[in-house]
Amino acid sequence: MIDKELIDILVCPACKSDVELKDNKIVCKKCGKRYPVRDGIPVMLIDEAE
């Protein structure tokens, strides 16, 4: 599980907006890109986004 404090400081690498955790993915609140979480670690790479 990802710590809420970590989610609070992360931003989308594509548009620099806030993100939230949904269905074990990090989802940008603005552009909607979804970043995977692998072994409890967010993979915040634009090339890995859905």
C-alpha atoms as a PDB file:
ATOM      1  CA  MET A   1       0.000   0.000   0.000  1.00  0.00           C
ATOM      2  CA  ILE A   2       1.185   3.487  -0.804  1.00  0.00           C
ATOM      3  CA  ASP A   3       1.412   6.015   2.007  1.00  0.00           C
ATOM      4  CA  LYS A   4      -1.064   8.909   1.720  1.00  0.00           C
ATOM      5  CA  GLU A   5       1.730  11.391   2.442  1.00  0.00           C
ATOM      6  CA  LEU A   6       3.555  10.144  -0.667  1.00  0.00           C
ATOM      7  CA  ILE A   7       0.441  10.565  -2.827  1.00  0.00           C
ATOM      8  CA  ASP A   8       0.076  14.121  -1.484  1.00  0.00           C
ATOM      9  CA  ILE A   9       3.539  15.143  -2.759  1.00  0.00           C
ATOM     10  CA  LEU A  10       3.440  13.345  -6.117  1.00  0.00           C
ATOM     11  CA  VAL A  11       2.455  15.206  -9.287  1.00  0.00           C
ATOM     12  CA  CYS A  12       1.808  14.010 -12.810  1.00  0.00           C
ATOM     13  CA  PRO A  13       5.056  14.146 -14.790  1.00  0.00           C
ATOM     14  CA  ALA A  14       3.125  15.043 -17.963  1.00  0.00           C
ATOM     15  CA  CYS A  15       1.107  18.066 -16.772  1.00  0.00           C
ATOM     16  CA  LYS A  16       2.360  18.664 -13.188  1.00  0.00           C
ATOM     17  CA  SER A  17      -1.137  18.354 -11.684  1.00  0.00           C
ATOM     18  CA  ASP A  18      -2.195  16.541  -8.511  1.00  0.00           C
ATOM     19  CA  VAL A  19      -2.706  12.781  -8.564  1.00  0.00           C
ATOM     20  CA  GLU A  20      -4.808  10.318  -6.582  1.00  0.00           C
ATOM     21  CA  LEU A  21      -4.752   6.573  -5.987  1.00  0.00           C
ATOM     22  CA  LYS A  22      -7.536   4.630  -7.748  1.00  0.00           C
ATOM     23  CA  ASP A  23      -7.653   0.859  -8.282  1.00  0.00           C
ATOM     24  CA  ASN A  24      -3.924   0.499  -7.486  1.00  0.00           C
ATOM     25  CA  LYS A  25      -3.003   3.102 -10.125  1.00  0.00           C
ATOM     26  CA  ILE A  26      -1.832   6.677  -9.696  1.00  0.00           C
ATOM     27  CA  VAL A  27      -4.329   8.787 -11.671  1.00  0.00           C
ATOM     28  CA  CYS A  28      -3.821  12.418 -12.685  1.00  0.00           C
ATOM     29  CA  LYS A  29      -6.756  14.618 -11.681  1.00  0.00           C
ATOM     30  CA  LYS A  30      -6.268  16.885 -14.731  1.00  0.00           C
ATOM     31  CA  CYS A  31      -5.115  14.904 -17.777  1.00  0.00           C
ATOM     32  CA  GLY A  32      -6.303  11.467 -16.618  1.00  0.00           C
ATOM     33  CA  LYS A  33      -3.054   9.598 -17.261  1.00  0.00           C
ATOM     34  CA  ARG A  34      -2.843   6.423 -15.164  1.00  0.00           C
ATOM     35  CA  TYR A  35       0.522   5.304 -13.804  1.00  0.00           C
ATOM     36  CA  PRO A  36       1.107   1.752 -12.559  1.00  0.00           C
ATOM     37  CA  VAL A  37       2.150   0.769  -9.047  1.00  0.00           C
ATOM     38  CA  ARG A  38       4.610  -2.142  -8.980  1.00  0.00           C
ATOM     39  CA  ASP A  39       5.565  -3.815  -5.693  1.00  0.00           C
ATOM     40  CA  GLY A  40       4.183  -0.796  -3.816  1.00  0.00           C
ATOM     41  CA  ILE A  41       6.286   1.673  -5.839  1.00  0.00           C
ATOM     42  CA  PRO A  42       4.627   4.223  -8.157  1.00  0.00           C
ATOM     43  CA  VAL A  43       6.120   4.126 -11.668  1.00  0.00           C
ATOM     44  CA  MET A  44       5.766   7.788 -12.603  1.00  0.00           C
ATOM     45  CA  LEU A  45       7.156   7.591 -16.137  1.00  0.00           C
ATOM     46  CA  ILE A  46       5.197   9.137 -19.007  1.00  0.00           C
ATOM     47  CA  ASP A  47       6.072   6.151 -21.231  1.00  0.00           C
ATOM     48  CA  GLU A  48       4.479   3.782 -18.683  1.00  0.00           C
ATOM     49  CA  ALA A  49       1.197   5.734 -18.446  1.00  0.00           C
ATOM     50  CA  GLU A  50      -2.096   4.472 -19.825  1.00  0.00           C
END
